[in-house]
């Protein structure tokens, strides 16, 4: 399973990319807005200069024709840009047109296997199932991942399933077990995945014992 970091903060991206496990980045307008009024294009250019992998950038237009125009412009920034498109009628039309132009897309705000199937049929490169938000609403987010991966497997669908809206490390492991191709993870959850109290305890024990050894 690939790991994308879900942030637009370049310092966070650098920190985890240097550790060797980040395969790509996902952004959205809310994450971009957190970056202290830095120009949008500058943020994206900085990200693609750090990470050699898929970088999802969300289109903000509400009509298919405008989404396609934005997608074409975003793709000019770098070949690794993936156009994030919301799951609705106009979004599906845009995905179809962008696919014709060989521009990769990430269909976002998916909450059911039905939506994921339609996005894949339209030509989406990735489909992002929002696990955490489903859980928040009293649904089983991981079950939607399981249903989606099973449907895609049954019919040899090539769209990749992204487990998005990750809330905790358990979501990551459950997503991997459910067959998600990608988990896109906030930096604070990545930090929790790295650490474990028994690891910290073991390190301290080794250091304490080393002090007793004659040098």
N, C-alpha and C. Protein backbone atom coordinates (compact mmCIF):
# COMPACT_ATOMS: atom_id res chain seq x y z
N UNK A 1 0.84 -1.19 0.00
CA UNK A 1 0.00 0.00 0.00
C UNK A 1 0.88 1.25 0.00
N UNK A 2 0.55 2.18 -0.89
CA UNK A 2 1.29 3.44 -0.92
C UNK A 2 0.80 4.37 0.19
N UNK A 3 1.70 5.24 0.61
CA UNK A 3 1.35 6.24 1.62
C UNK A 3 1.54 7.62 1.02
N UNK A 4 0.44 8.39 1.02
CA UNK A 4 0.49 9.80 0.65
C UNK A 4 0.35 10.61 1.93
N UNK A 5 0.98 11.77 2.00
CA UNK A 5 0.79 12.65 3.15
C UNK A 5 -0.25 13.70 2.77
N UNK A 6 -1.20 13.91 3.66
CA UNK A 6 -2.33 14.80 3.40
C UNK A 6 -2.06 16.16 4.04
N UNK A 7 -1.39 17.01 3.30
CA UNK A 7 -1.01 18.34 3.81
C UNK A 7 -0.53 19.20 2.65
N UNK A 8 -0.52 20.52 2.88
CA UNK A 8 0.09 21.43 1.91
C UNK A 8 1.28 22.14 2.54
N UNK A 9 1.65 21.72 3.75
CA UNK A 9 2.76 22.34 4.46
C UNK A 9 4.08 21.70 4.02
N UNK A 10 4.94 22.49 3.40
CA UNK A 10 6.16 21.93 2.82
C UNK A 10 7.13 21.42 3.87
N UNK A 11 7.14 22.01 5.06
CA UNK A 11 8.03 21.54 6.12
C UNK A 11 7.61 20.15 6.59
N UNK A 12 6.32 19.94 6.73
CA UNK A 12 5.81 18.62 7.10
C UNK A 12 6.14 17.61 6.02
N UNK A 13 5.97 18.00 4.77
CA UNK A 13 6.25 17.10 3.65
C UNK A 13 7.73 16.71 3.63
N UNK A 14 8.62 17.70 3.78
CA UNK A 14 10.07 17.43 3.80
C UNK A 14 10.43 16.45 4.92
N UNK A 15 9.89 16.70 6.10
CA UNK A 15 10.21 15.89 7.27
C UNK A 15 9.93 14.42 7.01
N UNK A 16 8.75 14.11 6.51
CA UNK A 16 8.37 12.71 6.34
C UNK A 16 8.89 12.12 5.04
N UNK A 17 9.04 12.92 4.00
CA UNK A 17 9.58 12.40 2.75
C UNK A 17 11.01 11.95 2.93
N UNK A 18 11.76 12.66 3.77
CA UNK A 18 13.16 12.29 4.02
C UNK A 18 13.27 10.96 4.75
N UNK A 19 12.20 10.51 5.38
CA UNK A 19 12.21 9.22 6.08
C UNK A 19 12.03 8.04 5.12
N UNK A 20 11.63 8.32 3.89
CA UNK A 20 11.62 7.28 2.87
C UNK A 20 10.33 6.52 2.66
N UNK A 21 9.23 6.91 3.31
CA UNK A 21 8.01 6.13 3.14
C UNK A 21 6.87 6.89 2.47
N UNK A 22 7.07 8.16 2.14
CA UNK A 22 6.02 8.95 1.49
C UNK A 22 6.11 8.79 -0.02
N UNK A 23 5.00 8.33 -0.62
CA UNK A 23 4.96 8.09 -2.07
C UNK A 23 4.32 9.23 -2.85
N UNK A 24 3.55 10.08 -2.16
CA UNK A 24 2.86 11.16 -2.84
C UNK A 24 2.23 12.10 -1.84
N UNK A 25 1.50 13.09 -2.36
CA UNK A 25 0.88 14.12 -1.51
C UNK A 25 -0.54 14.37 -1.99
N UNK A 26 -1.45 14.60 -1.05
CA UNK A 26 -2.79 15.07 -1.40
C UNK A 26 -3.02 16.42 -0.73
N UNK A 27 -3.59 17.35 -1.48
CA UNK A 27 -3.94 18.66 -0.93
C UNK A 27 -5.42 18.91 -1.21
N UNK A 28 -5.95 19.94 -0.59
CA UNK A 28 -7.29 20.40 -0.89
C UNK A 28 -7.35 21.90 -0.56
N UNK A 29 -8.41 22.60 -0.95
CA UNK A 29 -8.47 24.05 -0.69
C UNK A 29 -8.31 24.42 0.78
N UNK A 30 -8.84 23.58 1.69
CA UNK A 30 -8.73 23.88 3.12
C UNK A 30 -7.29 23.81 3.58
N UNK A 31 -6.55 22.81 3.10
CA UNK A 31 -5.13 22.68 3.47
C UNK A 31 -4.30 23.81 2.88
N UNK A 32 -4.60 24.19 1.64
CA UNK A 32 -3.89 25.29 0.99
C UNK A 32 -4.11 26.59 1.77
N UNK A 33 -5.35 26.79 2.23
CA UNK A 33 -5.70 28.03 2.93
C UNK A 33 -4.96 28.20 4.26
N UNK A 34 -4.46 27.10 4.83
CA UNK A 34 -3.75 27.15 6.10
C UNK A 34 -2.33 27.70 5.96
N UNK A 35 -1.85 27.81 4.73
CA UNK A 35 -0.43 28.12 4.52
C UNK A 35 -0.12 29.61 4.47
N UNK A 36 -0.64 30.37 5.42
CA UNK A 36 -0.26 31.77 5.65
C UNK A 36 -0.28 32.64 4.40
N UNK A 37 -1.34 32.47 3.61
CA UNK A 37 -1.53 33.31 2.42
C UNK A 37 -0.42 33.20 1.38
N UNK A 38 0.33 32.09 1.40
CA UNK A 38 1.31 31.88 0.34
C UNK A 38 0.57 31.67 -0.98
N UNK A 39 1.09 32.20 -2.08
CA UNK A 39 0.43 32.01 -3.37
C UNK A 39 0.25 30.53 -3.70
N UNK A 40 -0.92 30.20 -4.23
CA UNK A 40 -1.26 28.81 -4.54
C UNK A 40 -0.20 28.12 -5.42
N UNK A 41 0.15 28.79 -6.52
CA UNK A 41 1.10 28.17 -7.45
C UNK A 41 2.46 27.94 -6.81
N UNK A 42 2.88 28.86 -5.95
CA UNK A 42 4.17 28.72 -5.27
C UNK A 42 4.16 27.49 -4.36
N UNK A 43 3.05 27.28 -3.65
CA UNK A 43 2.94 26.12 -2.77
C UNK A 43 3.09 24.83 -3.57
N UNK A 44 2.36 24.74 -4.67
CA UNK A 44 2.39 23.52 -5.48
C UNK A 44 3.78 23.30 -6.09
N UNK A 45 4.40 24.37 -6.55
CA UNK A 45 5.76 24.25 -7.12
C UNK A 45 6.74 23.75 -6.07
N UNK A 46 6.61 24.23 -4.85
CA UNK A 46 7.49 23.77 -3.77
C UNK A 46 7.27 22.29 -3.48
N UNK A 47 6.01 21.87 -3.48
CA UNK A 47 5.70 20.47 -3.18
C UNK A 47 6.29 19.54 -4.24
N UNK A 48 6.10 19.88 -5.52
CA UNK A 48 6.61 19.00 -6.58
C UNK A 48 8.12 19.00 -6.62
N UNK A 49 8.75 20.03 -6.05
CA UNK A 49 10.22 20.04 -6.00
C UNK A 49 10.75 19.12 -4.91
N UNK A 50 9.88 18.76 -3.96
CA UNK A 50 10.28 17.90 -2.85
C UNK A 50 9.98 16.43 -3.13
N UNK A 51 8.76 16.18 -3.60
CA UNK A 51 8.28 14.80 -3.74
C UNK A 51 8.21 14.38 -5.20
N UNK A 52 8.84 13.28 -5.51
CA UNK A 52 8.76 12.70 -6.86
C UNK A 52 7.68 11.62 -6.85
N UNK A 53 6.44 12.06 -6.93
CA UNK A 53 5.31 11.15 -6.90
C UNK A 53 4.03 11.91 -7.17
N UNK A 54 2.88 11.24 -7.16
CA UNK A 54 1.61 11.90 -7.46
C UNK A 54 1.29 13.01 -6.45
N UNK A 55 0.92 14.18 -6.96
CA UNK A 55 0.55 15.31 -6.12
C UNK A 55 -0.88 15.72 -6.50
N UNK A 56 -1.84 15.45 -5.63
CA UNK A 56 -3.23 15.79 -5.93
C UNK A 56 -3.51 17.26 -5.63
N UNK A 57 -4.03 17.94 -6.64
CA UNK A 57 -4.39 19.37 -6.53
C UNK A 57 -5.85 19.50 -6.95
N UNK A 58 -6.66 20.11 -6.08
CA UNK A 58 -8.11 20.10 -6.31
C UNK A 58 -8.58 21.24 -7.21
N UNK A 59 -9.41 20.88 -8.18
CA UNK A 59 -10.08 21.88 -9.01
C UNK A 59 -11.20 22.50 -8.17
N UNK A 60 -11.40 23.81 -8.32
CA UNK A 60 -12.38 24.51 -7.50
C UNK A 60 -13.59 25.00 -8.29
N UNK A 61 -13.60 24.80 -9.60
CA UNK A 61 -14.74 25.21 -10.42
C UNK A 61 -15.91 24.26 -10.19
N UNK A 62 -17.12 24.72 -10.56
CA UNK A 62 -18.29 23.87 -10.34
C UNK A 62 -18.92 23.37 -11.64
N UNK A 63 -18.40 23.78 -12.77
CA UNK A 63 -18.88 23.29 -14.06
C UNK A 63 -17.79 22.46 -14.73
N UNK A 64 -18.22 21.40 -15.41
CA UNK A 64 -17.26 20.47 -16.01
C UNK A 64 -16.25 21.16 -16.91
N UNK A 65 -16.73 22.06 -17.76
CA UNK A 65 -15.83 22.73 -18.71
C UNK A 65 -14.75 23.53 -17.99
N UNK A 66 -15.13 24.17 -16.87
CA UNK A 66 -14.17 24.96 -16.11
C UNK A 66 -13.21 24.07 -15.32
N UNK A 67 -13.73 22.96 -14.83
CA UNK A 67 -12.87 21.99 -14.13
C UNK A 67 -11.78 21.49 -15.08
N UNK A 68 -12.19 21.19 -16.31
CA UNK A 68 -11.23 20.70 -17.31
C UNK A 68 -10.18 21.77 -17.59
N UNK A 69 -10.60 23.02 -17.72
CA UNK A 69 -9.65 24.12 -17.96
C UNK A 69 -8.65 24.23 -16.82
N UNK A 70 -9.17 24.17 -15.58
CA UNK A 70 -8.27 24.23 -14.42
C UNK A 70 -7.31 23.05 -14.44
N UNK A 71 -7.83 21.88 -14.75
CA UNK A 71 -7.00 20.69 -14.78
C UNK A 71 -5.85 20.80 -15.77
N UNK A 72 -6.14 21.34 -16.94
CA UNK A 72 -5.11 21.54 -17.97
C UNK A 72 -4.04 22.51 -17.47
N UNK A 73 -4.46 23.59 -16.80
CA UNK A 73 -3.51 24.58 -16.29
C UNK A 73 -2.66 24.00 -15.16
N UNK A 74 -3.30 23.26 -14.25
CA UNK A 74 -2.56 22.67 -13.13
C UNK A 74 -1.53 21.66 -13.63
N UNK A 75 -1.91 20.90 -14.65
CA UNK A 75 -1.02 19.87 -15.17
C UNK A 75 0.23 20.48 -15.80
N UNK A 76 0.13 21.74 -16.23
CA UNK A 76 1.29 22.41 -16.82
C UNK A 76 2.36 22.71 -15.78
N UNK A 77 1.97 22.76 -14.51
CA UNK A 77 2.94 23.05 -13.44
C UNK A 77 3.97 21.93 -13.35
N UNK A 78 3.47 20.68 -13.42
CA UNK A 78 4.38 19.52 -13.34
C UNK A 78 3.64 18.27 -13.80
N UNK A 79 4.39 17.36 -14.38
CA UNK A 79 3.79 16.13 -14.91
C UNK A 79 3.20 15.23 -13.82
N UNK A 80 3.63 15.40 -12.55
CA UNK A 80 3.13 14.55 -11.48
C UNK A 80 1.82 15.04 -10.87
N UNK A 81 1.32 16.17 -11.34
CA UNK A 81 0.07 16.71 -10.80
C UNK A 81 -1.10 15.81 -11.18
N UNK A 82 -1.91 15.48 -10.18
CA UNK A 82 -3.16 14.73 -10.37
C UNK A 82 -4.30 15.69 -10.03
N UNK A 83 -5.30 15.77 -10.89
CA UNK A 83 -6.38 16.72 -10.67
C UNK A 83 -7.46 16.09 -9.78
N UNK A 84 -7.67 16.72 -8.64
CA UNK A 84 -8.68 16.26 -7.69
C UNK A 84 -10.03 16.85 -8.10
N UNK A 85 -11.01 15.98 -8.29
CA UNK A 85 -12.32 16.40 -8.78
C UNK A 85 -13.40 15.84 -7.86
N UNK A 86 -14.35 16.70 -7.46
CA UNK A 86 -15.39 16.24 -6.53
C UNK A 86 -16.35 15.29 -7.22
N UNK A 87 -16.94 14.41 -6.39
CA UNK A 87 -17.88 13.40 -6.89
C UNK A 87 -19.28 14.01 -7.03
N UNK A 88 -19.59 14.46 -8.23
CA UNK A 88 -20.96 14.86 -8.57
C UNK A 88 -21.10 14.78 -10.09
N UNK A 89 -22.22 15.18 -10.62
CA UNK A 89 -22.46 15.03 -12.05
C UNK A 89 -21.44 15.80 -12.89
N UNK A 90 -21.20 17.05 -12.52
CA UNK A 90 -20.22 17.84 -13.27
C UNK A 90 -18.82 17.28 -13.13
N UNK A 91 -18.52 16.76 -11.94
CA UNK A 91 -17.22 16.16 -11.70
C UNK A 91 -16.99 14.94 -12.57
N UNK A 92 -18.01 14.11 -12.70
CA UNK A 92 -17.88 12.91 -13.53
C UNK A 92 -17.67 13.28 -15.01
N UNK A 93 -18.38 14.30 -15.46
CA UNK A 93 -18.18 14.77 -16.84
C UNK A 93 -16.74 15.24 -17.05
N UNK A 94 -16.24 15.98 -16.06
CA UNK A 94 -14.88 16.51 -16.16
C UNK A 94 -13.84 15.39 -16.15
N UNK A 95 -14.07 14.39 -15.30
CA UNK A 95 -13.14 13.25 -15.23
C UNK A 95 -13.07 12.55 -16.58
N UNK A 96 -14.22 12.37 -17.21
CA UNK A 96 -14.25 11.73 -18.53
C UNK A 96 -13.41 12.52 -19.54
N UNK A 97 -13.56 13.84 -19.54
CA UNK A 97 -12.84 14.68 -20.50
C UNK A 97 -11.34 14.74 -20.20
N UNK A 98 -11.02 14.84 -18.92
CA UNK A 98 -9.59 14.88 -18.54
C UNK A 98 -8.92 13.55 -18.86
N UNK A 99 -9.65 12.45 -18.69
CA UNK A 99 -9.11 11.13 -19.03
C UNK A 99 -8.79 11.05 -20.52
N UNK A 100 -9.63 11.63 -21.34
CA UNK A 100 -9.39 11.64 -22.79
C UNK A 100 -8.08 12.37 -23.12
N UNK A 101 -7.73 13.35 -22.27
CA UNK A 101 -6.53 14.15 -22.49
C UNK A 101 -5.32 13.55 -21.77
N UNK A 102 -5.49 12.34 -21.24
CA UNK A 102 -4.42 11.64 -20.50
C UNK A 102 -3.95 12.42 -19.28
N UNK A 103 -4.89 13.15 -18.66
CA UNK A 103 -4.60 13.86 -17.41
C UNK A 103 -5.17 13.04 -16.26
N UNK A 104 -4.33 12.69 -15.30
CA UNK A 104 -4.75 11.84 -14.19
C UNK A 104 -5.68 12.59 -13.24
N UNK A 105 -6.64 11.85 -12.69
CA UNK A 105 -7.62 12.46 -11.79
C UNK A 105 -7.78 11.65 -10.51
N UNK A 106 -8.19 12.37 -9.47
CA UNK A 106 -8.48 11.77 -8.17
C UNK A 106 -9.89 12.22 -7.79
N UNK A 107 -10.85 11.31 -7.88
CA UNK A 107 -12.23 11.67 -7.55
C UNK A 107 -12.39 11.66 -6.04
N UNK A 108 -12.77 12.81 -5.48
CA UNK A 108 -12.78 12.99 -4.04
C UNK A 108 -14.20 13.11 -3.49
N UNK A 109 -14.29 13.03 -2.15
CA UNK A 109 -15.57 13.08 -1.45
C UNK A 109 -16.48 11.92 -1.85
N UNK A 110 -15.89 10.73 -1.86
CA UNK A 110 -16.65 9.51 -2.13
C UNK A 110 -17.04 8.85 -0.81
N UNK A 111 -18.31 8.47 -0.71
CA UNK A 111 -18.82 7.90 0.53
C UNK A 111 -19.55 6.57 0.33
N UNK A 112 -19.49 6.02 -0.87
CA UNK A 112 -20.12 4.73 -1.12
C UNK A 112 -19.39 4.01 -2.24
N UNK A 113 -19.53 2.68 -2.27
CA UNK A 113 -18.93 1.89 -3.34
C UNK A 113 -19.60 2.22 -4.68
N UNK A 114 -20.88 2.60 -4.65
CA UNK A 114 -21.57 3.01 -5.87
C UNK A 114 -20.89 4.22 -6.49
N UNK A 115 -20.60 5.22 -5.66
CA UNK A 115 -19.93 6.42 -6.17
C UNK A 115 -18.54 6.07 -6.71
N UNK A 116 -17.84 5.21 -6.01
CA UNK A 116 -16.50 4.81 -6.45
C UNK A 116 -16.56 4.11 -7.80
N UNK A 117 -17.55 3.25 -7.98
CA UNK A 117 -17.71 2.53 -9.25
C UNK A 117 -17.96 3.50 -10.40
N UNK A 118 -18.85 4.46 -10.18
CA UNK A 118 -19.15 5.44 -11.24
C UNK A 118 -17.93 6.28 -11.59
N UNK A 119 -17.18 6.69 -10.56
CA UNK A 119 -15.96 7.47 -10.80
C UNK A 119 -14.95 6.67 -11.62
N UNK A 120 -14.81 5.40 -11.27
CA UNK A 120 -13.88 4.54 -12.00
C UNK A 120 -14.33 4.36 -13.45
N UNK A 121 -15.62 4.17 -13.65
CA UNK A 121 -16.16 4.02 -15.00
C UNK A 121 -15.95 5.28 -15.84
N UNK A 122 -15.97 6.44 -15.17
CA UNK A 122 -15.75 7.70 -15.87
C UNK A 122 -14.29 7.88 -16.26
N UNK A 123 -13.41 7.12 -15.60
CA UNK A 123 -11.99 7.18 -15.95
C UNK A 123 -11.07 7.72 -14.88
N UNK A 124 -11.56 7.81 -13.64
CA UNK A 124 -10.72 8.33 -12.55
C UNK A 124 -9.50 7.44 -12.32
N UNK A 125 -8.35 8.07 -12.15
CA UNK A 125 -7.12 7.32 -11.84
C UNK A 125 -7.18 6.82 -10.39
N UNK A 126 -7.69 7.67 -9.51
CA UNK A 126 -7.85 7.35 -8.09
C UNK A 126 -9.28 7.66 -7.66
N UNK A 127 -9.77 6.89 -6.69
CA UNK A 127 -11.05 7.21 -6.04
C UNK A 127 -10.79 7.31 -4.54
N UNK A 128 -11.17 8.44 -3.95
CA UNK A 128 -10.87 8.69 -2.54
C UNK A 128 -12.11 8.47 -1.68
N UNK A 129 -12.07 7.40 -0.89
CA UNK A 129 -13.17 7.08 0.03
C UNK A 129 -12.87 7.70 1.39
N UNK A 130 -13.79 8.50 1.90
CA UNK A 130 -13.55 9.26 3.13
C UNK A 130 -13.95 8.43 4.37
N UNK A 131 -13.02 7.61 4.79
CA UNK A 131 -13.26 6.67 5.89
C UNK A 131 -13.64 7.37 7.19
N UNK A 132 -12.85 8.35 7.59
CA UNK A 132 -13.08 9.03 8.87
C UNK A 132 -14.42 9.73 8.93
N UNK A 133 -14.78 10.41 7.86
CA UNK A 133 -16.06 11.13 7.85
C UNK A 133 -17.23 10.15 7.88
N UNK A 134 -17.07 9.00 7.23
CA UNK A 134 -18.11 7.98 7.31
C UNK A 134 -18.28 7.49 8.74
N UNK A 135 -17.16 7.23 9.41
CA UNK A 135 -17.21 6.81 10.81
C UNK A 135 -17.87 7.88 11.67
N UNK A 136 -17.51 9.13 11.42
CA UNK A 136 -18.08 10.24 12.19
C UNK A 136 -19.60 10.29 12.06
N UNK A 137 -20.11 9.88 10.91
CA UNK A 137 -21.55 9.93 10.64
C UNK A 137 -22.27 8.65 11.07
N UNK A 138 -21.53 7.76 11.73
CA UNK A 138 -22.14 6.53 12.23
C UNK A 138 -22.14 5.38 11.25
N UNK A 139 -21.37 5.51 10.16
CA UNK A 139 -21.23 4.43 9.18
C UNK A 139 -19.90 3.73 9.37
N UNK A 140 -19.70 2.63 8.64
CA UNK A 140 -18.43 1.89 8.71
C UNK A 140 -17.59 2.23 7.50
N UNK A 141 -16.66 3.16 7.69
CA UNK A 141 -15.82 3.60 6.58
C UNK A 141 -15.00 2.48 5.95
N UNK A 142 -14.43 1.65 6.78
CA UNK A 142 -13.58 0.56 6.26
C UNK A 142 -14.40 -0.43 5.44
N UNK A 143 -15.65 -0.61 5.78
CA UNK A 143 -16.50 -1.52 5.00
C UNK A 143 -16.67 -1.00 3.58
N UNK A 144 -16.74 0.32 3.41
CA UNK A 144 -16.84 0.89 2.06
C UNK A 144 -15.55 0.63 1.28
N UNK A 145 -14.41 0.70 1.97
CA UNK A 145 -13.13 0.35 1.33
C UNK A 145 -13.17 -1.12 0.88
N UNK A 146 -13.62 -2.00 1.76
CA UNK A 146 -13.70 -3.43 1.44
C UNK A 146 -14.61 -3.67 0.24
N UNK A 147 -15.79 -3.04 0.25
CA UNK A 147 -16.74 -3.22 -0.85
C UNK A 147 -16.15 -2.72 -2.16
N UNK A 148 -15.51 -1.56 -2.10
CA UNK A 148 -14.95 -0.96 -3.31
C UNK A 148 -13.82 -1.80 -3.89
N UNK A 149 -12.91 -2.24 -3.04
CA UNK A 149 -11.78 -3.05 -3.54
C UNK A 149 -12.28 -4.39 -4.09
N UNK A 150 -13.32 -4.95 -3.49
CA UNK A 150 -13.87 -6.22 -3.99
C UNK A 150 -14.50 -6.04 -5.37
N UNK A 151 -15.28 -4.97 -5.53
CA UNK A 151 -15.90 -4.68 -6.83
C UNK A 151 -14.84 -4.46 -7.90
N UNK A 152 -13.83 -3.69 -7.57
CA UNK A 152 -12.77 -3.40 -8.54
C UNK A 152 -12.02 -4.69 -8.92
N UNK A 153 -11.80 -5.54 -7.92
CA UNK A 153 -11.11 -6.80 -8.17
C UNK A 153 -11.95 -7.71 -9.06
N UNK A 154 -13.26 -7.75 -8.81
CA UNK A 154 -14.16 -8.62 -9.58
C UNK A 154 -14.10 -8.34 -11.07
N UNK A 155 -13.96 -7.06 -11.42
CA UNK A 155 -14.06 -6.66 -12.82
C UNK A 155 -12.75 -6.13 -13.40
N UNK A 156 -11.67 -6.28 -12.65
CA UNK A 156 -10.37 -5.84 -13.16
C UNK A 156 -10.30 -4.34 -13.39
N UNK A 157 -11.00 -3.57 -12.56
CA UNK A 157 -10.99 -2.11 -12.68
C UNK A 157 -9.63 -1.58 -12.22
N UNK A 158 -9.04 -0.72 -13.03
CA UNK A 158 -7.67 -0.27 -12.77
C UNK A 158 -7.57 0.96 -11.86
N UNK A 159 -8.68 1.66 -11.62
CA UNK A 159 -8.64 2.82 -10.72
C UNK A 159 -8.13 2.38 -9.35
N UNK A 160 -7.29 3.23 -8.74
CA UNK A 160 -6.74 2.90 -7.43
C UNK A 160 -7.59 3.47 -6.31
N UNK A 161 -7.76 2.68 -5.26
CA UNK A 161 -8.59 3.08 -4.13
C UNK A 161 -7.73 3.77 -3.08
N UNK A 162 -8.10 5.03 -2.78
CA UNK A 162 -7.42 5.78 -1.72
C UNK A 162 -8.29 5.78 -0.48
N UNK A 163 -7.73 5.37 0.64
CA UNK A 163 -8.41 5.51 1.93
C UNK A 163 -8.07 6.89 2.46
N UNK A 164 -9.07 7.77 2.50
CA UNK A 164 -8.86 9.17 2.87
C UNK A 164 -9.57 9.49 4.18
N UNK A 165 -9.37 10.71 4.65
CA UNK A 165 -9.96 11.15 5.91
C UNK A 165 -9.56 10.20 7.04
N UNK A 166 -8.28 9.86 7.07
CA UNK A 166 -7.72 8.97 8.09
C UNK A 166 -7.65 9.70 9.42
N UNK A 167 -8.17 9.07 10.47
CA UNK A 167 -8.22 9.70 11.78
C UNK A 167 -7.16 9.18 12.75
N UNK A 168 -6.70 7.94 12.54
CA UNK A 168 -5.80 7.32 13.51
C UNK A 168 -5.03 6.17 12.86
N UNK A 169 -4.00 5.64 13.54
CA UNK A 169 -3.22 4.54 12.97
C UNK A 169 -4.03 3.27 12.70
N UNK A 170 -5.08 3.04 13.48
CA UNK A 170 -5.93 1.87 13.24
C UNK A 170 -6.57 1.95 11.86
N UNK A 171 -7.00 3.14 11.47
CA UNK A 171 -7.57 3.32 10.14
C UNK A 171 -6.57 2.89 9.06
N UNK A 172 -5.30 3.18 9.27
CA UNK A 172 -4.27 2.85 8.28
C UNK A 172 -4.15 1.34 8.11
N UNK A 173 -4.01 0.63 9.23
CA UNK A 173 -3.85 -0.82 9.17
C UNK A 173 -5.11 -1.50 8.63
N UNK A 174 -6.27 -1.02 9.07
CA UNK A 174 -7.52 -1.60 8.58
C UNK A 174 -7.68 -1.34 7.08
N UNK A 175 -7.24 -0.19 6.61
CA UNK A 175 -7.29 0.12 5.18
C UNK A 175 -6.38 -0.82 4.39
N UNK A 176 -5.19 -1.06 4.93
CA UNK A 176 -4.25 -1.98 4.28
C UNK A 176 -4.83 -3.40 4.22
N UNK A 177 -5.42 -3.84 5.31
CA UNK A 177 -6.04 -5.18 5.36
C UNK A 177 -7.22 -5.29 4.40
N UNK A 178 -7.91 -4.15 4.20
CA UNK A 178 -9.08 -4.13 3.32
C UNK A 178 -8.70 -4.05 1.84
N UNK A 179 -7.40 -3.85 1.57
CA UNK A 179 -6.93 -3.84 0.19
C UNK A 179 -6.83 -2.50 -0.48
N UNK A 180 -6.87 -1.41 0.31
CA UNK A 180 -6.71 -0.07 -0.29
C UNK A 180 -5.34 0.04 -0.96
N UNK A 181 -5.30 0.67 -2.12
CA UNK A 181 -4.03 0.87 -2.83
C UNK A 181 -3.19 1.95 -2.18
N UNK A 182 -3.89 2.93 -1.58
CA UNK A 182 -3.22 4.10 -0.99
C UNK A 182 -3.95 4.49 0.29
N UNK A 183 -3.19 4.95 1.28
CA UNK A 183 -3.78 5.66 2.41
C UNK A 183 -3.18 7.05 2.41
N UNK A 184 -4.02 8.07 2.44
CA UNK A 184 -3.51 9.44 2.52
C UNK A 184 -3.69 9.92 3.96
N UNK A 185 -2.58 10.27 4.60
CA UNK A 185 -2.52 10.35 6.06
C UNK A 185 -2.04 11.72 6.52
N UNK A 186 -2.74 12.33 7.50
CA UNK A 186 -2.27 13.60 8.07
C UNK A 186 -0.96 13.40 8.82
N UNK A 187 -0.18 14.48 8.95
CA UNK A 187 1.15 14.36 9.57
C UNK A 187 1.07 13.88 11.02
N UNK A 188 0.03 14.28 11.77
CA UNK A 188 -0.04 13.88 13.18
C UNK A 188 -0.28 12.38 13.33
N UNK A 189 -1.02 11.79 12.38
CA UNK A 189 -1.23 10.34 12.42
C UNK A 189 0.05 9.61 12.02
N UNK A 190 0.79 10.14 11.05
CA UNK A 190 2.08 9.55 10.69
C UNK A 190 3.01 9.53 11.89
N UNK A 191 3.00 10.61 12.66
CA UNK A 191 3.85 10.70 13.85
C UNK A 191 3.49 9.61 14.85
N UNK A 192 2.20 9.37 15.03
CA UNK A 192 1.74 8.32 15.95
C UNK A 192 2.14 6.94 15.45
N UNK A 193 2.16 6.76 14.13
CA UNK A 193 2.54 5.46 13.57
C UNK A 193 4.01 5.15 13.82
N UNK A 194 4.83 6.18 13.82
CA UNK A 194 6.27 5.99 14.02
C UNK A 194 6.58 5.58 15.46
N UNK A 195 5.87 6.16 16.39
CA UNK A 195 6.21 6.01 17.80
C UNK A 195 5.45 4.87 18.48
N UNK A 196 6.10 4.30 19.50
CA UNK A 196 5.46 3.31 20.37
C UNK A 196 6.15 3.37 21.72
N UNK A 197 5.41 3.35 22.81
CA UNK A 197 6.04 3.47 24.14
C UNK A 197 7.04 2.35 24.43
N UNK A 198 6.79 1.14 23.89
CA UNK A 198 7.73 0.05 24.13
C UNK A 198 9.03 0.25 23.36
N UNK A 199 8.94 0.87 22.19
CA UNK A 199 10.15 1.22 21.45
C UNK A 199 10.97 2.23 22.23
N UNK A 200 10.31 3.27 22.74
CA UNK A 200 11.00 4.29 23.54
C UNK A 200 11.66 3.68 24.77
N UNK A 201 10.94 2.78 25.41
CA UNK A 201 11.47 2.12 26.60
C UNK A 201 12.68 1.27 26.26
N UNK A 202 12.60 0.55 25.13
CA UNK A 202 13.71 -0.29 24.70
C UNK A 202 14.95 0.52 24.36
N UNK A 203 14.76 1.65 23.68
CA UNK A 203 15.89 2.52 23.33
C UNK A 203 16.57 3.03 24.60
N UNK A 204 15.77 3.47 25.56
CA UNK A 204 16.33 3.98 26.80
C UNK A 204 17.11 2.91 27.55
N UNK A 205 16.59 1.67 27.52
CA UNK A 205 17.28 0.55 28.19
C UNK A 205 18.63 0.28 27.54
N UNK A 206 18.68 0.30 26.21
CA UNK A 206 19.95 0.09 25.51
C UNK A 206 20.95 1.20 25.85
N UNK A 207 20.47 2.44 25.88
CA UNK A 207 21.35 3.57 26.18
C UNK A 207 21.88 3.49 27.62
N UNK A 208 21.01 3.12 28.54
CA UNK A 208 21.42 3.00 29.94
C UNK A 208 22.45 1.89 30.11
N UNK A 209 22.23 0.77 29.43
CA UNK A 209 23.17 -0.34 29.52
C UNK A 209 24.52 0.01 28.87
N UNK A 210 24.47 0.77 27.78
CA UNK A 210 25.70 1.14 27.07
C UNK A 210 26.61 2.00 27.97
N UNK A 211 25.99 2.80 28.82
CA UNK A 211 26.77 3.64 29.74
C UNK A 211 27.59 2.80 30.71
N UNK A 212 27.15 1.56 30.93
CA UNK A 212 27.85 0.67 31.90
C UNK A 212 29.04 -0.06 31.26
N UNK A 213 29.11 -0.02 29.93
CA UNK A 213 30.15 -0.74 29.22
C UNK A 213 31.45 0.05 29.26
N UNK A 214 32.57 -0.63 29.55
CA UNK A 214 33.87 0.04 29.53
C UNK A 214 34.24 0.36 28.08
N UNK A 215 34.54 1.62 27.86
CA UNK A 215 34.83 2.06 26.48
C UNK A 215 36.27 1.70 26.11
